[in-house]
Amino acid sequence: MLRRGKILSLILTVGMLSANIYGCSSSNNATEDGVAKITVWTQEGQVVEQEYYKNAIEQFNELYAGEIEASLQMIPRGNGYEYENKINAAATSGSLPDIIAMDGPSVANYADSGIIVPIDEYFTEDKLEDFVPSIIKQGTVDGQLYALGAAESTVVLFYNKDVLDAAGIQAPTTLEDAWTWKEVYEISKKLKTNDMYGINLDWDLGEGQIYAFAPMIWSNGGELLSEDGKKIDGYLNSDKSIEALEFYQKFAVEGLINLQPLPNDFEEGKSAMY
């Protein structure tokens, strides 16, 4: 049963959408013809993301024609937090949609604020086997499942093969042979020239940094916050966390990275790696 003012939260796939909306016809969203109307919000994103959500909604509506009809509203992200601001405003005014797509780090906050409700009852154990454990963990708050991701952000290292070949450097081809960050640092020093940085690390402020650089702290045994998310002191400023941050500071201090990188620096040959 869906309730106004509360929403089921997930990042959509057709299967996830069908699993979570089943039974809406008995909710307040049902129309006179018995068709349940549900509204889905997502940030506008890139074209490929837009097409993904549009196709998912179309397939869902075809599958449940005459029972449930989903409508999609894509909200421009702008240069800041326009999408999140709209969600918060809707929560305040009691005009939330039925389903939202969200970034993983927002799940705990929305759950704690009462914006989203648990979805455990909609997923059996066999359905959850389709998701990697980290996806389930990210959407779980205080032992209850609030969200499931259809996609997962990842961080990769791009390199200019011609530049590496000229320097006699062989890039790893397996996970077992993957470079350590210390090796990346040493290789960056070797590749740096007067016209090209060894590597570009996008240190610009923004939420994307948590995806890119938090794992660097974790991989050194540090933490950003306490497990309950309420304390920074002793975690972000722990010896392990500081050690990790000071290591990456060396890239800037030693001039291995561009402190004001442009989006196309790597493509234009201004950095050997990115």
C-alpha atoms as a PDB file:
ATOM      1  CA  MET A   1       0.000   0.000   0.000  1.00  0.00           C
ATOM      2  CA  LEU A   2       1.431   3.359  -1.011  1.00  0.00           C
ATOM      3  CA  ARG A   3       0.689   6.383   1.119  1.00  0.00           C
ATOM      4  CA  ARG A   4       0.896  10.073   0.240  1.00  0.00           C
ATOM      5  CA  GLY A   5       3.713  11.766   2.083  1.00  0.00           C
ATOM      6  CA  LYS A   6       5.715   8.531   2.073  1.00  0.00           C
ATOM      7  CA  ILE A   7       7.445   6.980  -0.876  1.00  0.00           C
ATOM      8  CA  LEU A   8       9.039   3.723  -1.771  1.00  0.00           C
ATOM      9  CA  SER A   9      12.580   4.461  -2.763  1.00  0.00           C
ATOM     10  CA  LEU A  10      14.651   2.640  -5.326  1.00  0.00           C
ATOM     11  CA  ILE A  11      16.689   3.231  -8.415  1.00  0.00           C
ATOM     12  CA  LEU A  12      14.537   1.664 -11.048  1.00  0.00           C
ATOM     13  CA  THR A  13      14.711  -1.397 -13.155  1.00  0.00           C
ATOM     14  CA  VAL A  14      11.570  -2.827 -14.676  1.00  0.00           C
ATOM     15  CA  GLY A  15      11.693  -5.830 -12.384  1.00  0.00           C
ATOM     16  CA  MET A  16      12.269  -3.691  -9.317  1.00  0.00           C
ATOM     17  CA  LEU A  17       9.465  -1.347 -10.265  1.00  0.00           C
ATOM     18  CA  SER A  18       6.994  -4.178 -10.701  1.00  0.00           C
ATOM     19  CA  ALA A  19       8.053  -5.785  -7.445  1.00  0.00           C
ATOM     20  CA  ASN A  20       7.577  -2.631  -5.460  1.00  0.00           C
ATOM     21  CA  ILE A  21       4.353  -1.278  -6.871  1.00  0.00           C
ATOM     22  CA  TYR A  22       2.272  -4.406  -6.903  1.00  0.00           C
ATOM     23  CA  GLY A  23      -0.922  -3.828  -4.898  1.00  0.00           C
ATOM     24  CA  CYS A  24      -1.170  -0.104  -5.587  1.00  0.00           C
ATOM     25  CA  SER A  25      -4.648  -0.479  -7.017  1.00  0.00           C
ATOM     26  CA  SER A  26      -6.017  -0.570  -3.492  1.00  0.00           C
ATOM     27  CA  SER A  27      -4.207   2.641  -2.496  1.00  0.00           C
ATOM     28  CA  ASN A  28      -5.337   6.235  -2.654  1.00  0.00           C
ATOM     29  CA  ASN A  29      -3.716   6.496  -6.071  1.00  0.00           C
ATOM     30  CA  ALA A  30      -6.398   4.393  -7.796  1.00  0.00           C
ATOM     31  CA  THR A  31      -8.631   6.192 -10.313  1.00  0.00           C
ATOM     32  CA  GLU A  32     -12.306   5.607 -11.096  1.00  0.00           C
ATOM     33  CA  ASP A  33     -11.396   3.114 -13.806  1.00  0.00           C
ATOM     34  CA  GLY A  34      -9.454   1.077 -11.258  1.00  0.00           C
ATOM     35  CA  VAL A  35      -6.033   1.910 -12.688  1.00  0.00           C
ATOM     36  CA  ALA A  36      -3.477   2.896 -10.058  1.00  0.00           C
ATOM     37  CA  LYS A  37      -1.555   6.035 -10.996  1.00  0.00           C
ATOM     38  CA  ILE A  38       1.978   6.337  -9.670  1.00  0.00           C
ATOM     39  CA  THR A  39       4.547   9.065 -10.146  1.00  0.00           C
ATOM     40  CA  VAL A  40       8.280   8.479 -10.460  1.00  0.00           C
ATOM     41  CA  TRP A  41      10.922  11.153 -10.024  1.00  0.00           C
ATOM     42  CA  THR A  42      14.494  10.962 -11.221  1.00  0.00           C
ATOM     43  CA  GLN A  43      17.169  13.515 -11.958  1.00  0.00           C
ATOM     44  CA  GLU A  44      17.552  14.303 -15.628  1.00  0.00           C
ATOM     45  CA  GLY A  45      21.047  12.887 -16.003  1.00  0.00           C
ATOM     46  CA  GLN A  46      22.772  12.182 -19.300  1.00  0.00           C
ATOM     47  CA  VAL A  47      20.944  11.091 -22.436  1.00  0.00           C
ATOM     48  CA  VAL A  48      21.713   7.399 -21.910  1.00  0.00           C
ATOM     49  CA  GLU A  49      20.240   7.606 -18.392  1.00  0.00           C
ATOM     50  CA  GLN A  50      17.139   9.387 -19.668  1.00  0.00           C
ATOM     51  CA  GLU A  51      16.553   6.691 -22.255  1.00  0.00           C
ATOM     52  CA  TYR A  52      17.032   3.982 -19.643  1.00  0.00           C
ATOM     53  CA  TYR A  53      14.336   5.381 -17.364  1.00  0.00           C
ATOM     54  CA  LYS A  54      11.955   6.130 -20.220  1.00  0.00           C
ATOM     55  CA  ASN A  55      12.275   2.583 -21.535  1.00  0.00           C
ATOM     56  CA  ALA A  56      11.811   1.119 -18.054  1.00  0.00           C
ATOM     57  CA  ILE A  57       8.598   3.083 -17.546  1.00  0.00           C
ATOM     58  CA  GLU A  58       7.285   2.164 -20.998  1.00  0.00           C
ATOM     59  CA  GLN A  59       7.944  -1.535 -20.433  1.00  0.00           C
ATOM     60  CA  PHE A  60       6.342  -1.404 -17.013  1.00  0.00           C
ATOM     61  CA  ASN A  61       3.210   0.297 -18.332  1.00  0.00           C
ATOM     62  CA  GLU A  62       2.917  -2.286 -21.105  1.00  0.00           C
ATOM     63  CA  LEU A  63       3.322  -5.120 -18.615  1.00  0.00           C
ATOM     64  CA  TYR A  64       0.688  -3.759 -16.227  1.00  0.00           C
ATOM     65  CA  ALA A  65      -1.677  -2.115 -18.706  1.00  0.00           C
ATOM     66  CA  GLY A  66      -5.122  -1.685 -17.166  1.00  0.00           C
ATOM     67  CA  GLU A  67      -3.780  -2.143 -13.623  1.00  0.00           C
ATOM     68  CA  ILE A  68      -1.045   0.392 -12.975  1.00  0.00           C
ATOM     69  CA  GLU A  69       0.139   3.410 -14.923  1.00  0.00           C
ATOM     70  CA  ALA A  70       3.469   5.027 -14.054  1.00  0.00           C
ATOM     71  CA  SER A  71       4.436   8.528 -15.132  1.00  0.00           C
ATOM     72  CA  LEU A  72       8.015   9.764 -15.149  1.00  0.00           C
ATOM     73  CA  GLN A  73       9.193  13.243 -14.234  1.00  0.00           C
ATOM     74  CA  MET A  74      12.834  14.071 -14.920  1.00  0.00           C
ATOM     75  CA  ILE A  75      14.166  16.966 -12.884  1.00  0.00           C
ATOM     76  CA  PRO A  76      17.241  18.910 -14.063  1.00  0.00           C
ATOM     77  CA  ARG A  77      20.138  18.698 -11.650  1.00  0.00           C
ATOM     78  CA  GLY A  78      21.547  22.117 -12.513  1.00  0.00           C
ATOM     79  CA  ASN A  79      24.879  23.056 -10.997  1.00  0.00           C
ATOM     80  CA  GLY A  80      23.983  22.095  -7.471  1.00  0.00           C
ATOM     81  CA  TYR A  81      21.313  20.235  -5.550  1.00  0.00           C
ATOM     82  CA  GLU A  82      18.155  21.248  -7.397  1.00  0.00           C
ATOM     83  CA  TYR A  83      16.893  17.677  -7.450  1.00  0.00           C
ATOM     84  CA  GLU A  84      17.458  17.112  -3.726  1.00  0.00           C
ATOM     85  CA  ASN A  85      15.979  20.529  -2.954  1.00  0.00           C
ATOM     86  CA  LYS A  86      12.811  19.573  -4.815  1.00  0.00           C
ATOM     87  CA  ILE A  87      12.546  16.342  -2.826  1.00  0.00           C
ATOM     88  CA  ASN A  88      12.986  18.202   0.463  1.00  0.00           C
ATOM     89  CA  ALA A  89      10.414  20.823  -0.525  1.00  0.00           C
ATOM     90  CA  ALA A  90       7.932  18.111  -1.504  1.00  0.00           C
ATOM     91  CA  ALA A  91       8.491  16.359   1.821  1.00  0.00           C
ATOM     92  CA  THR A  92       7.739  19.599   3.667  1.00  0.00           C
ATOM     93  CA  SER A  93       4.577  20.284   1.662  1.00  0.00           C
ATOM     94  CA  GLY A  94       3.376  16.677   1.698  1.00  0.00           C
ATOM     95  CA  SER A  95       3.529  16.361  -2.084  1.00  0.00           C
ATOM     96  CA  LEU A  96       6.129  13.645  -2.551  1.00  0.00           C
ATOM     97  CA  PRO A  97       5.831  11.297  -5.532  1.00  0.00           C
ATOM     98  CA  ASP A  98       5.418   7.564  -5.077  1.00  0.00           C
ATOM     99  CA  ILE A  99       8.938   6.596  -6.120  1.00  0.00           C
ATOM    100  CA  ILE A 100      12.207   8.480  -6.357  1.00  0.00           C
ATOM    101  CA  ALA A 101      15.603   7.664  -7.741  1.00  0.00           C
ATOM    102  CA  MET A 102      18.392   8.847  -5.472  1.00  0.00           C
ATOM    103  CA  ASP A 103      22.101   8.698  -4.908  1.00  0.00           C
ATOM    104  CA  GLY A 104      23.163   5.984  -2.499  1.00  0.00           C
ATOM    105  CA  PRO A 105      24.589   8.369   0.133  1.00  0.00           C
ATOM    106  CA  SER A 106      21.137   9.961   0.501  1.00  0.00           C
ATOM    107  CA  VAL A 107      19.408   6.766   1.623  1.00  0.00           C
ATOM    108  CA  ALA A 108      20.257   6.980   5.327  1.00  0.00           C
ATOM    109  CA  ASN A 109      19.309  10.649   5.526  1.00  0.00           C
ATOM    110  CA  TYR A 110      15.974  10.144   3.784  1.00  0.00           C
ATOM    111  CA  ALA A 111      15.197   7.091   5.901  1.00  0.00           C
ATOM    112  CA  ASP A 112      16.028   8.932   9.123  1.00  0.00           C
ATOM    113  CA  SER A 113      13.895  11.890   8.001  1.00  0.00           C
ATOM    114  CA  GLY A 114      10.902   9.679   7.281  1.00  0.00           C
ATOM    115  CA  ILE A 115      10.881  10.594   3.600  1.00  0.00           C
ATOM    116  CA  ILE A 116      11.166   6.975   2.482  1.00  0.00           C
ATOM    117  CA  VAL A 117       9.753   3.745   3.874  1.00  0.00           C
ATOM    118  CA  PRO A 118      11.224   0.219   4.104  1.00  0.00           C
ATOM    119  CA  ILE A 119      10.672  -2.091   1.149  1.00  0.00           C
ATOM    120  CA  ASP A 120      11.642  -5.422   2.757  1.00  0.00           C
ATOM    121  CA  GLU A 121       8.168  -6.886   2.305  1.00  0.00           C
ATOM    122  CA  TYR A 122       8.407  -6.534  -1.464  1.00  0.00           C
ATOM    123  CA  PHE A 123      11.577  -8.580  -1.895  1.00  0.00           C
ATOM    124  CA  THR A 124      12.082 -12.266  -1.226  1.00  0.00           C
ATOM    125  CA  GLU A 125      15.545 -13.662  -0.615  1.00  0.00           C
ATOM    126  CA  ASP A 126      15.747 -15.104  -4.122  1.00  0.00           C
ATOM    127  CA  LYS A 127      15.030 -11.691  -5.659  1.00  0.00           C
ATOM    128  CA  LEU A 128      17.774 -10.113  -3.568  1.00  0.00           C
ATOM    129  CA  GLU A 129      20.241 -12.644  -4.959  1.00  0.00           C
ATOM    130  CA  ASP A 130      20.202 -10.585  -8.166  1.00  0.00           C
ATOM    131  CA  PHE A 131      22.031  -7.767  -6.360  1.00  0.00           C
ATOM    132  CA  VAL A 132      25.628  -7.633  -5.200  1.00  0.00           C
ATOM    133  CA  PRO A 133      25.983  -7.385  -1.397  1.00  0.00           C
ATOM    134  CA  SER A 134      27.299  -3.804  -1.505  1.00  0.00           C
ATOM    135  CA  ILE A 135      24.099  -2.627  -3.229  1.00  0.00           C
ATOM    136  CA  ILE A 136      21.950  -4.201  -0.527  1.00  0.00           C
ATOM    137  CA  LYS A 137      24.172  -2.851   2.238  1.00  0.00           C
ATOM    138  CA  GLN A 138      24.034   0.671   0.845  1.00  0.00           C
ATOM    139  CA  GLY A 139      20.243   0.618   0.809  1.00  0.00           C
ATOM    140  CA  THR A 140      19.906  -0.842   4.312  1.00  0.00           C
ATOM    141  CA  VAL A 141      19.440   1.377   7.373  1.00  0.00           C
ATOM    142  CA  ASP A 142      19.115  -0.025  10.898  1.00  0.00           C
ATOM    143  CA  GLY A 143      18.505  -3.499   9.529  1.00  0.00           C
ATOM    144  CA  GLN A 144      15.725  -2.485   7.132  1.00  0.00           C
ATOM    145  CA  LEU A 145      15.935  -2.279   3.357  1.00  0.00           C
ATOM    146  CA  TYR A 146      14.971   1.123   1.950  1.00  0.00           C
ATOM    147  CA  ALA A 147      16.471   1.146  -1.538  1.00  0.00           C
ATOM    148  CA  LEU A 148      18.103  -0.969  -4.221  1.00  0.00           C
ATOM    149  CA  GLY A 149      20.405   0.336  -6.889  1.00  0.00           C
ATOM    150  CA  ALA A 150      20.067  -0.445 -10.566  1.00  0.00           C
ATOM    151  CA  ALA A 151      23.544   0.945 -11.216  1.00  0.00           C
ATOM    152  CA  GLU A 152      26.691   1.390  -9.193  1.00  0.00           C
ATOM    153  CA  SER A 153      29.281   4.126  -9.503  1.00  0.00           C
ATOM    154  CA  THR A 154      32.857   3.031  -9.872  1.00  0.00           C
ATOM    155  CA  VAL A 155      36.230   4.701 -10.219  1.00  0.00           C
ATOM    156  CA  VAL A 156      38.645   3.712 -12.963  1.00  0.00           C
ATOM    157  CA  LEU A 157      42.075   4.850 -14.104  1.00  0.00           C
ATOM    158  CA  PHE A 158      42.467   5.831 -17.746  1.00  0.00           C
ATOM    159  CA  TYR A 159      45.928   5.877 -19.283  1.00  0.00           C
ATOM    160  CA  ASN A 160      47.449   6.934 -22.589  1.00  0.00           C
ATOM    161  CA  LYS A 161      48.833   3.693 -23.995  1.00  0.00           C
ATOM    162  CA  ASP A 162      51.197   5.430 -26.404  1.00  0.00           C
ATOM    163  CA  VAL A 163      52.729   7.434 -23.569  1.00  0.00           C
ATOM    164  CA  LEU A 164      53.141   4.353 -21.376  1.00  0.00           C
ATOM    165  CA  ASP A 165      54.630   2.353 -24.237  1.00  0.00           C
ATOM    166  CA  ALA A 166      57.147   5.098 -24.969  1.00  0.00           C
ATOM    167  CA  ALA A 167      58.174   5.078 -21.307  1.00  0.00           C
ATOM    168  CA  GLY A 168      58.500   1.300 -21.272  1.00  0.00           C
ATOM    169  CA  ILE A 169      55.674   0.892 -18.772  1.00  0.00           C
ATOM    170  CA  GLN A 170      53.353  -2.112 -19.055  1.00  0.00           C
ATOM    171  CA  ALA A 171      49.862  -1.533 -17.709  1.00  0.00           C
ATOM    172  CA  PRO A 172      48.441  -4.404 -15.642  1.00  0.00           C
ATOM    173  CA  THR A 173      45.970  -6.700 -17.373  1.00  0.00           C
ATOM    174  CA  THR A 174      44.579  -8.552 -14.352  1.00  0.00           C
ATOM    175  CA  LEU A 175      43.306  -7.591 -10.918  1.00  0.00           C
ATOM    176  CA  GLU A 176      46.069  -9.649  -9.376  1.00  0.00           C
ATOM    177  CA  ASP A 177      48.654  -7.453 -11.090  1.00  0.00           C
ATOM    178  CA  ALA A 178      46.879  -4.151 -10.451  1.00  0.00           C
ATOM    179  CA  TRP A 179      49.028  -1.184  -9.506  1.00  0.00           C
ATOM    180  CA  THR A 180      49.089  -0.036  -5.917  1.00  0.00           C
ATOM    181  CA  TRP A 181      48.628   3.678  -5.307  1.00  0.00           C
ATOM    182  CA  LYS A 182      52.316   3.892  -4.472  1.00  0.00           C
ATOM    183  CA  GLU A 183      53.075   2.489  -7.926  1.00  0.00           C
ATOM    184  CA  VAL A 184      50.679   4.997  -9.518  1.00  0.00           C
ATOM    185  CA  TYR A 185      52.570   7.761  -7.728  1.00  0.00           C
ATOM    186  CA  GLU A 186      55.961   6.535  -8.952  1.00  0.00           C
ATOM    187  CA  ILE A 187      54.667   6.074 -12.507  1.00  0.00           C
ATOM    188  CA  SER A 188      53.150   9.576 -12.454  1.00  0.00           C
ATOM    189  CA  LYS A 189      56.570  11.004 -11.592  1.00  0.00           C
ATOM    190  CA  LYS A 190      58.156   9.086 -14.446  1.00  0.00           C
ATOM    191  CA  LEU A 191      55.562  10.219 -17.002  1.00  0.00           C
ATOM    192  CA  LYS A 192      55.492  13.903 -16.087  1.00  0.00           C
ATOM    193  CA  THR A 193      57.038  16.271 -18.635  1.00  0.00           C
ATOM    194  CA  ASN A 194      57.033  20.033 -19.134  1.00  0.00           C
ATOM    195  CA  ASP A 195      53.988  19.685 -21.386  1.00  0.00           C
ATOM    196  CA  MET A 196      52.122  16.887 -19.682  1.00  0.00           C
ATOM    197  CA  TYR A 197      51.103  16.032 -16.141  1.00  0.00           C
ATOM    198  CA  GLY A 198      51.699  12.509 -14.935  1.00  0.00           C
ATOM    199  CA  ILE A 199      48.098  12.106 -13.854  1.00  0.00           C
ATOM    200  CA  ASN A 200      45.017  14.224 -13.334  1.00  0.00           C
ATOM    201  CA  LEU A 201      42.987  13.831 -10.173  1.00  0.00           C
ATOM    202  CA  ASP A 202      39.821  15.899 -10.263  1.00  0.00           C
ATOM    203  CA  TRP A 203      39.922  17.546  -6.846  1.00  0.00           C
ATOM    204  CA  ASP A 204      37.135  20.027  -7.580  1.00  0.00           C
ATOM    205  CA  LEU A 205      34.559  20.417  -4.826  1.00  0.00           C
ATOM    206  CA  GLY A 206      31.353  18.447  -5.274  1.00  0.00           C
ATOM    207  CA  GLU A 207      29.541  15.323  -4.173  1.00  0.00           C
ATOM    208  CA  GLY A 208      31.363  13.239  -6.759  1.00  0.00           C
ATOM    209  CA  GLN A 209      34.470  13.421  -4.623  1.00  0.00           C
ATOM    210  CA  ILE A 210      32.976  11.121  -2.006  1.00  0.00           C
ATOM    211  CA  TYR A 211      32.673   8.409  -4.656  1.00  0.00           C
ATOM    212  CA  ALA A 212      36.174   8.929  -5.959  1.00  0.00           C
ATOM    213  CA  PHE A 213      38.255   9.553  -2.893  1.00  0.00           C
ATOM    214  CA  ALA A 214      36.570   7.972   0.117  1.00  0.00           C
ATOM    215  CA  PRO A 215      37.829   4.541  -1.029  1.00  0.00           C
ATOM    216  CA  MET A 216      41.357   5.909  -0.845  1.00  0.00           C
ATOM    217  CA  ILE A 217      40.911   6.509   2.868  1.00  0.00           C
ATOM    218  CA  TRP A 218      39.171   3.175   3.391  1.00  0.00           C
ATOM    219  CA  SER A 219      41.893   1.286   1.530  1.00  0.00           C
ATOM    220  CA  ASN A 220      44.407   2.649   4.032  1.00  0.00           C
ATOM    221  CA  GLY A 221      42.321   1.469   6.975  1.00  0.00           C
ATOM    222  CA  GLY A 222      40.788   4.864   7.727  1.00  0.00           C
ATOM    223  CA  GLU A 223      37.170   5.947   8.083  1.00  0.00           C
ATOM    224  CA  LEU A 224      35.244   9.129   7.342  1.00  0.00           C
ATOM    225  CA  LEU A 225      32.693   8.757  10.126  1.00  0.00           C
ATOM    226  CA  SER A 226      31.759   6.570  13.034  1.00  0.00           C
ATOM    227  CA  GLU A 227      29.553   3.598  12.201  1.00  0.00           C
ATOM    228  CA  ASP A 228      26.433   5.453  13.368  1.00  0.00           C
ATOM    229  CA  GLY A 229      27.358   8.405  11.149  1.00  0.00           C
ATOM    230  CA  LYS A 230      27.370  10.898  14.018  1.00  0.00           C
ATOM    231  CA  LYS A 231      31.061  11.444  14.774  1.00  0.00           C
ATOM    232  CA  ILE A 232      33.941  12.729  12.672  1.00  0.00           C
ATOM    233  CA  ASP A 233      36.519  13.300  15.402  1.00  0.00           C
ATOM    234  CA  GLY A 234      38.718  10.253  15.726  1.00  0.00           C
ATOM    235  CA  TYR A 235      37.727   8.975  12.304  1.00  0.00           C
ATOM    236  CA  LEU A 236      38.363  11.482   9.514  1.00  0.00           C
ATOM    237  CA  ASN A 237      41.291  12.824  11.545  1.00  0.00           C
ATOM    238  CA  SER A 238      42.612   9.412  12.562  1.00  0.00           C
ATOM    239  CA  ASP A 239      46.230   8.537  11.799  1.00  0.00           C
ATOM    240  CA  LYS A 240      45.183   6.212   8.963  1.00  0.00           C
ATOM    241  CA  SER A 241      42.882   8.780   7.342  1.00  0.00           C
ATOM    242  CA  ILE A 242      45.440  11.571   7.629  1.00  0.00           C
ATOM    243  CA  GLU A 243      48.156   9.318   6.236  1.00  0.00           C
ATOM    244  CA  ALA A 244      46.010   8.583   3.170  1.00  0.00           C
ATOM    245  CA  LEU A 245      45.181  12.242   2.565  1.00  0.00           C
ATOM    246  CA  GLU A 246      48.798  13.326   3.006  1.00  0.00           C
ATOM    247  CA  PHE A 247      49.849  10.706   0.481  1.00  0.00           C
ATOM    248  CA  TYR A 248      47.527  12.146  -2.163  1.00  0.00           C
ATOM    249  CA  GLN A 249      48.572  15.646  -1.217  1.00  0.00           C
ATOM    250  CA  LYS A 250      52.004  14.754  -2.591  1.00  0.00           C
ATOM    251  CA  PHE A 251      50.573  14.621  -6.109  1.00  0.00           C
ATOM    252  CA  ALA A 252      49.743  18.323  -5.834  1.00  0.00           C
ATOM    253  CA  VAL A 253      52.815  19.436  -3.891  1.00  0.00           C
ATOM    254  CA  GLU A 254      55.155  17.765  -6.379  1.00  0.00           C
ATOM    255  CA  GLY A 255      53.342  19.138  -9.420  1.00  0.00           C
ATOM    256  CA  LEU A 256      52.223  15.765 -10.738  1.00  0.00           C
ATOM    257  CA  ILE A 257      48.653  16.976 -11.249  1.00  0.00           C
ATOM    258  CA  ASN A 258      47.008  20.079 -12.655  1.00  0.00           C
ATOM    259  CA  LEU A 259      45.469  22.007  -9.768  1.00  0.00           C
ATOM    260  CA  GLN A 260      42.945  23.512 -12.179  1.00  0.00           C
ATOM    261  CA  PRO A 261      42.177  20.638 -14.546  1.00  0.00           C
ATOM    262  CA  LEU A 262      39.848  21.042 -17.482  1.00  0.00           C
ATOM    263  CA  PRO A 263      37.409  18.288 -18.518  1.00  0.00           C
ATOM    264  CA  ASN A 264      39.309  17.447 -21.718  1.00  0.00           C
ATOM    265  CA  ASP A 265      42.886  17.584 -20.406  1.00  0.00           C
ATOM    266  CA  PHE A 266      43.388  13.844 -20.750  1.00  0.00           C
ATOM    267  CA  GLU A 267      41.839  13.640 -24.215  1.00  0.00           C
ATOM    268  CA  GLU A 268      44.040  16.523 -25.368  1.00  0.00           C
ATOM    269  CA  GLY A 269      47.223  14.833 -24.177  1.00  0.00           C
ATOM    270  CA  LYS A 270      47.839  17.185 -21.263  1.00  0.00           C
ATOM    271  CA  SER A 271      47.957  14.340 -18.753  1.00  0.00           C
ATOM    272  CA  ALA A 272      49.258  10.803 -19.164  1.00  0.00           C
ATOM    273  CA  MET A 273      46.663   9.274 -16.868  1.00  0.00           C
ATOM    274  CA  TYR A 274      43.291  10.279 -15.493  1.00  0.00           C
END
